[in-house]
Amino acid sequence: MLTNVTYNGDYLFQKTFIKDTLEGTVVINNGELPMYHIQNHHDTIIDKDVWNEVQLI
């Protein structure tokens, strides 16, 4: 929970994508498609200062 950017109000778009639409195969995006980091997407669940301190640990 303390490593997920969603809890600090940000959103990482396209972490996964559908590789084969006929089979519906969902795979983790390892650079095949661009990822978009959207800041202040929604209200924070964990204070950003606390979240940043945990990332340093």
PDB file of N, CA and C in Angstrom:
ATOM      1  N   MET A   1       0.824  -1.197   0.000  1.00  0.00           N
ATOM      2  CA  MET A   1       0.000   0.000   0.000  1.00  0.00           C
ATOM      3  C   MET A   1       0.863   1.254   0.000  1.00  0.00           C
ATOM      4  N   LEU A   2       1.974   1.215   0.715  1.00  0.00           N
ATOM      5  CA  LEU A   2       2.796   2.414   0.815  1.00  0.00           C
ATOM      6  C   LEU A   2       3.736   2.606  -0.363  1.00  0.00           C
ATOM      7  N   THR A   3       3.686   1.731  -1.352  1.00  0.00           N
ATOM      8  CA  THR A   3       4.487   1.915  -2.559  1.00  0.00           C
ATOM      9  C   THR A   3       3.619   2.214  -3.775  1.00  0.00           C
ATOM     10  N   ASN A   4       2.315   2.180  -3.626  1.00  0.00           N
ATOM     11  CA  ASN A   4       1.390   2.394  -4.725  1.00  0.00           C
ATOM     12  C   ASN A   4       1.108   3.893  -4.867  1.00  0.00           C
ATOM     13  N   VAL A   5       1.381   4.472  -6.045  1.00  0.00           N
ATOM     14  CA  VAL A   5       1.187   5.910  -6.254  1.00  0.00           C
ATOM     15  C   VAL A   5      -0.277   6.317  -6.180  1.00  0.00           C
ATOM     16  N   THR A   6      -1.182   5.386  -6.284  1.00  0.00           N
ATOM     17  CA  THR A   6      -2.604   5.704  -6.236  1.00  0.00           C
ATOM     18  C   THR A   6      -3.012   6.258  -4.881  1.00  0.00           C
ATOM     19  N   TYR A   7      -2.360   5.819  -3.813  1.00  0.00           N
ATOM     20  CA  TYR A   7      -2.733   6.248  -2.476  1.00  0.00           C
ATOM     21  C   TYR A   7      -2.301   7.669  -2.169  1.00  0.00           C
ATOM     22  N   ASN A   8      -1.369   8.243  -2.927  1.00  0.00           N
ATOM     23  CA  ASN A   8      -0.958   9.612  -2.659  1.00  0.00           C
ATOM     24  C   ASN A   8      -1.626  10.606  -3.601  1.00  0.00           C
ATOM     25  N   GLY A   9      -2.647  10.190  -4.321  1.00  0.00           N
ATOM     26  CA  GLY A   9      -3.419  11.085  -5.176  1.00  0.00           C
ATOM     27  C   GLY A   9      -2.989  11.082  -6.627  1.00  0.00           C
ATOM     28  N   ASP A  10      -1.947  10.329  -6.971  1.00  0.00           N
ATOM     29  CA  ASP A  10      -1.471  10.254  -8.347  1.00  0.00           C
ATOM     30  C   ASP A  10      -2.022   8.997  -9.013  1.00  0.00           C
ATOM     31  N   TYR A  11      -1.867   8.929 -10.326  1.00  0.00           N
ATOM     32  CA  TYR A  11      -2.343   7.762 -11.066  1.00  0.00           C
ATOM     33  C   TYR A  11      -1.339   7.427 -12.161  1.00  0.00           C
ATOM     34  N   LEU A  12      -0.952   6.170 -12.273  1.00  0.00           N
ATOM     35  CA  LEU A  12      -0.056   5.706 -13.324  1.00  0.00           C
ATOM     36  C   LEU A  12      -0.903   4.958 -14.349  1.00  0.00           C
ATOM     37  N   PHE A  13      -1.079   5.582 -15.519  1.00  0.00           N
ATOM     38  CA  PHE A  13      -1.935   5.061 -16.569  1.00  0.00           C
ATOM     39  C   PHE A  13      -1.155   4.118 -17.471  1.00  0.00           C
ATOM     40  N   GLN A  14      -1.748   3.015 -17.851  1.00  0.00           N
ATOM     41  CA  GLN A  14      -1.209   1.977 -18.724  1.00  0.00           C
ATOM     42  C   GLN A  14      -0.111   1.156 -18.073  1.00  0.00           C
ATOM     43  N   LYS A  15      -0.332   0.751 -16.794  1.00  0.00           N
ATOM     44  CA  LYS A  15       0.581  -0.194 -16.158  1.00  0.00           C
ATOM     45  C   LYS A  15       0.444  -1.559 -16.819  1.00  0.00           C
ATOM     46  N   THR A  16      -0.755  -1.875 -17.272  1.00  0.00           N
ATOM     47  CA  THR A  16      -1.027  -3.109 -18.003  1.00  0.00           C
ATOM     48  C   THR A  16      -1.763  -2.750 -19.287  1.00  0.00           C
ATOM     49  N   PHE A  17      -1.763  -3.669 -20.232  1.00  0.00           N
ATOM     50  CA  PHE A  17      -2.515  -3.463 -21.464  1.00  0.00           C
ATOM     51  C   PHE A  17      -2.949  -4.812 -22.008  1.00  0.00           C
ATOM     52  N   ILE A  18      -3.900  -4.794 -22.924  1.00  0.00           N
ATOM     53  CA  ILE A  18      -4.397  -6.020 -23.540  1.00  0.00           C
ATOM     54  C   ILE A  18      -3.546  -6.300 -24.770  1.00  0.00           C
ATOM     55  N   LYS A  19      -2.788  -7.386 -24.725  1.00  0.00           N
ATOM     56  CA  LYS A  19      -1.875  -7.743 -25.814  1.00  0.00           C
ATOM     57  C   LYS A  19      -2.629  -8.323 -26.998  1.00  0.00           C
ATOM     58  N   ASP A  20      -3.544  -9.219 -26.729  1.00  0.00           N
ATOM     59  CA  ASP A  20      -4.314  -9.874 -27.788  1.00  0.00           C
ATOM     60  C   ASP A  20      -5.788  -9.644 -27.495  1.00  0.00           C
ATOM     61  N   THR A  21      -6.448  -8.838 -28.322  1.00  0.00           N
ATOM     62  CA  THR A  21      -7.855  -8.511 -28.066  1.00  0.00           C
ATOM     63  C   THR A  21      -8.780  -9.705 -28.255  1.00  0.00           C
ATOM     64  N   LEU A  22      -8.426 -10.636 -29.125  1.00  0.00           N
ATOM     65  CA  LEU A  22      -9.284 -11.801 -29.329  1.00  0.00           C
ATOM     66  C   LEU A  22      -9.267 -12.721 -28.109  1.00  0.00           C
ATOM     67  N   GLU A  23      -8.102 -12.903 -27.518  1.00  0.00           N
ATOM     68  CA  GLU A  23      -7.986 -13.756 -26.339  1.00  0.00           C
ATOM     69  C   GLU A  23      -8.173 -12.973 -25.049  1.00  0.00           C
ATOM     70  N   GLY A  24      -8.040 -11.652 -25.111  1.00  0.00           N
ATOM     71  CA  GLY A  24      -8.170 -10.825 -23.918  1.00  0.00           C
ATOM     72  C   GLY A  24      -6.983 -10.952 -22.974  1.00  0.00           C
ATOM     73  N   THR A  25      -5.812 -11.216 -23.536  1.00  0.00           N
ATOM     74  CA  THR A  25      -4.613 -11.406 -22.734  1.00  0.00           C
ATOM     75  C   THR A  25      -4.121 -10.066 -22.189  1.00  0.00           C
ATOM     76  N   VAL A  26      -4.097  -9.929 -20.869  1.00  0.00           N
ATOM     77  CA  VAL A  26      -3.611  -8.720 -20.215  1.00  0.00           C
ATOM     78  C   VAL A  26      -2.185  -8.978 -19.742  1.00  0.00           C
ATOM     79  N   VAL A  27      -1.267  -8.075 -20.106  1.00  0.00           N
ATOM     80  CA  VAL A  27       0.135  -8.216 -19.728  1.00  0.00           C
ATOM     81  C   VAL A  27       0.618  -6.924 -19.071  1.00  0.00           C
ATOM     82  N   ILE A  28       1.678  -7.035 -18.288  1.00  0.00           N
ATOM     83  CA  ILE A  28       2.290  -5.877 -17.649  1.00  0.00           C
ATOM     84  C   ILE A  28       3.085  -5.110 -18.699  1.00  0.00           C
ATOM     85  N   ASN A  29       2.949  -3.805 -18.693  1.00  0.00           N
ATOM     86  CA  ASN A  29       3.642  -2.943 -19.640  1.00  0.00           C
ATOM     87  C   ASN A  29       5.093  -2.768 -19.199  1.00  0.00           C
ATOM     88  N   ASN A  30       6.019  -3.354 -19.934  1.00  0.00           N
ATOM     89  CA  ASN A  30       7.450  -3.234 -19.657  1.00  0.00           C
ATOM     90  C   ASN A  30       8.120  -2.335 -20.677  1.00  0.00           C
ATOM     91  N   GLY A  31       7.439  -1.277 -21.095  1.00  0.00           N
ATOM     92  CA  GLY A  31       7.993  -0.330 -22.050  1.00  0.00           C
ATOM     93  C   GLY A  31       7.465  -0.491 -23.455  1.00  0.00           C
ATOM     94  N   GLU A  32       6.573  -1.436 -23.675  1.00  0.00           N
ATOM     95  CA  GLU A  32       6.003  -1.609 -25.012  1.00  0.00           C
ATOM     96  C   GLU A  32       5.159  -0.403 -25.406  1.00  0.00           C
ATOM     97  N   LEU A  33       4.425   0.153 -24.450  1.00  0.00           N
ATOM     98  CA  LEU A  33       3.593   1.333 -24.656  1.00  0.00           C
ATOM     99  C   LEU A  33       4.017   2.410 -23.663  1.00  0.00           C
ATOM    100  N   PRO A  34       3.747   3.673 -23.983  1.00  0.00           N
ATOM    101  CA  PRO A  34       4.105   4.723 -23.026  1.00  0.00           C
ATOM    102  C   PRO A  34       3.213   4.661 -21.786  1.00  0.00           C
ATOM    103  N   MET A  35       3.787   4.990 -20.628  1.00  0.00           N
ATOM    104  CA  MET A  35       3.029   5.102 -19.384  1.00  0.00           C
ATOM    105  C   MET A  35       2.908   6.579 -19.042  1.00  0.00           C
ATOM    106  N   TYR A  36       1.794   6.963 -18.449  1.00  0.00           N
ATOM    107  CA  TYR A  36       1.535   8.353 -18.119  1.00  0.00           C
ATOM    108  C   TYR A  36       1.316   8.482 -16.622  1.00  0.00           C
ATOM    109  N   HIS A  37       2.113   9.338 -15.974  1.00  0.00           N
ATOM    110  CA  HIS A  37       1.986   9.591 -14.541  1.00  0.00           C
ATOM    111  C   HIS A  37       1.191  10.876 -14.383  1.00  0.00           C
ATOM    112  N   ILE A  38      -0.032  10.751 -13.873  1.00  0.00           N
ATOM    113  CA  ILE A  38      -0.921  11.895 -13.705  1.00  0.00           C
ATOM    114  C   ILE A  38      -0.894  12.290 -12.232  1.00  0.00           C
ATOM    115  N   GLN A  39      -0.416  13.510 -11.952  1.00  0.00           N
ATOM    116  CA  GLN A  39      -0.324  13.986 -10.576  1.00  0.00           C
ATOM    117  C   GLN A  39      -1.630  14.662 -10.167  1.00  0.00           C
ATOM    118  N   ASN A  40      -1.974  14.549  -8.891  1.00  0.00           N
ATOM    119  CA  ASN A  40      -3.177  15.148  -8.306  1.00  0.00           C
ATOM    120  C   ASN A  40      -4.440  14.713  -9.048  1.00  0.00           C
ATOM    121  N   HIS A  41      -4.506  13.449  -9.379  1.00  0.00           N
ATOM    122  CA  HIS A  41      -5.641  12.879 -10.104  1.00  0.00           C
ATOM    123  C   HIS A  41      -6.885  12.811  -9.220  1.00  0.00           C
ATOM    124  N   HIS A  42      -6.693  12.528  -7.940  1.00  0.00           N
ATOM    125  CA  HIS A  42      -7.805  12.395  -7.007  1.00  0.00           C
ATOM    126  C   HIS A  42      -7.314  12.749  -5.604  1.00  0.00           C
ATOM    127  N   ASP A  43      -8.238  12.776  -4.646  1.00  0.00           N
ATOM    128  CA  ASP A  43      -7.877  13.092  -3.268  1.00  0.00           C
ATOM    129  C   ASP A  43      -6.916  12.042  -2.716  1.00  0.00           C
ATOM    130  N   THR A  44      -6.009  12.496  -1.857  1.00  0.00           N
ATOM    131  CA  THR A  44      -5.025  11.580  -1.293  1.00  0.00           C
ATOM    132  C   THR A  44      -5.626  10.736  -0.181  1.00  0.00           C
ATOM    133  N   ILE A  45      -5.149   9.531  -0.053  1.00  0.00           N
ATOM    134  CA  ILE A  45      -5.521   8.647   1.044  1.00  0.00           C
ATOM    135  C   ILE A  45      -4.425   8.707   2.107  1.00  0.00           C
ATOM    136  N   ILE A  46      -3.181   8.766   1.650  1.00  0.00           N
ATOM    137  CA  ILE A  46      -2.022   8.915   2.527  1.00  0.00           C
ATOM    138  C   ILE A  46      -1.383  10.263   2.210  1.00  0.00           C
ATOM    139  N   ASP A  47      -1.019  11.011   3.241  1.00  0.00           N
ATOM    140  CA  ASP A  47      -0.379  12.300   3.059  1.00  0.00           C
ATOM    141  C   ASP A  47       0.871  12.146   2.189  1.00  0.00           C
ATOM    142  N   LYS A  48       1.066  13.063   1.241  1.00  0.00           N
ATOM    143  CA  LYS A  48       2.198  12.943   0.310  1.00  0.00           C
ATOM    144  C   LYS A  48       3.544  12.986   1.019  1.00  0.00           C
ATOM    145  N   ASP A  49       3.655  13.771   2.092  1.00  0.00           N
ATOM    146  CA  ASP A  49       4.920  13.826   2.834  1.00  0.00           C
ATOM    147  C   ASP A  49       5.235  12.473   3.464  1.00  0.00           C
ATOM    148  N   VAL A  50       4.232  11.829   4.048  1.00  0.00           N
ATOM    149  CA  VAL A  50       4.425  10.505   4.652  1.00  0.00           C
ATOM    150  C   VAL A  50       4.778   9.502   3.567  1.00  0.00           C
ATOM    151  N   TRP A  51       4.097   9.559   2.435  1.00  0.00           N
ATOM    152  CA  TRP A  51       4.352   8.634   1.335  1.00  0.00           C
ATOM    153  C   TRP A  51       5.775   8.789   0.828  1.00  0.00           C
ATOM    154  N   ASN A  52       6.240  10.049   0.681  1.00  0.00           N
ATOM    155  CA  ASN A  52       7.611  10.291   0.216  1.00  0.00           C
ATOM    156  C   ASN A  52       8.647   9.800   1.217  1.00  0.00           C
ATOM    157  N   GLU A  53       8.392   9.938   2.514  1.00  0.00           N
ATOM    158  CA  GLU A  53       9.319   9.435   3.536  1.00  0.00           C
ATOM    159  C   GLU A  53       9.441   7.927   3.460  1.00  0.00           C
ATOM    160  N   VAL A  54       8.320   7.240   3.255  1.00  0.00           N
ATOM    161  CA  VAL A  54       8.336   5.775   3.164  1.00  0.00           C
ATOM    162  C   VAL A  54       9.117   5.327   1.936  1.00  0.00           C
ATOM    163  N   GLN A  55       9.025   6.077   0.823  1.00  0.00           N
ATOM    164  CA  GLN A  55       9.760   5.715  -0.389  1.00  0.00           C
ATOM    165  C   GLN A  55      11.267   5.789  -0.168  1.00  0.00           C
ATOM    166  N   LEU A  56      11.719   6.690   0.692  1.00  0.00           N
ATOM    167  CA  LEU A  56      13.144   6.805   0.988  1.00  0.00           C
ATOM    168  C   LEU A  56      13.650   5.600   1.786  1.00  0.00           C
ATOM    169  N   ILE A  57      12.769   5.039   2.613  1.00  0.00           N
ATOM    170  CA  ILE A  57      13.142   3.882   3.433  1.00  0.00           C
ATOM    171  C   ILE A  57      13.197   2.678   2.531  1.00  0.00           C
TER     172      ILE A  57
END
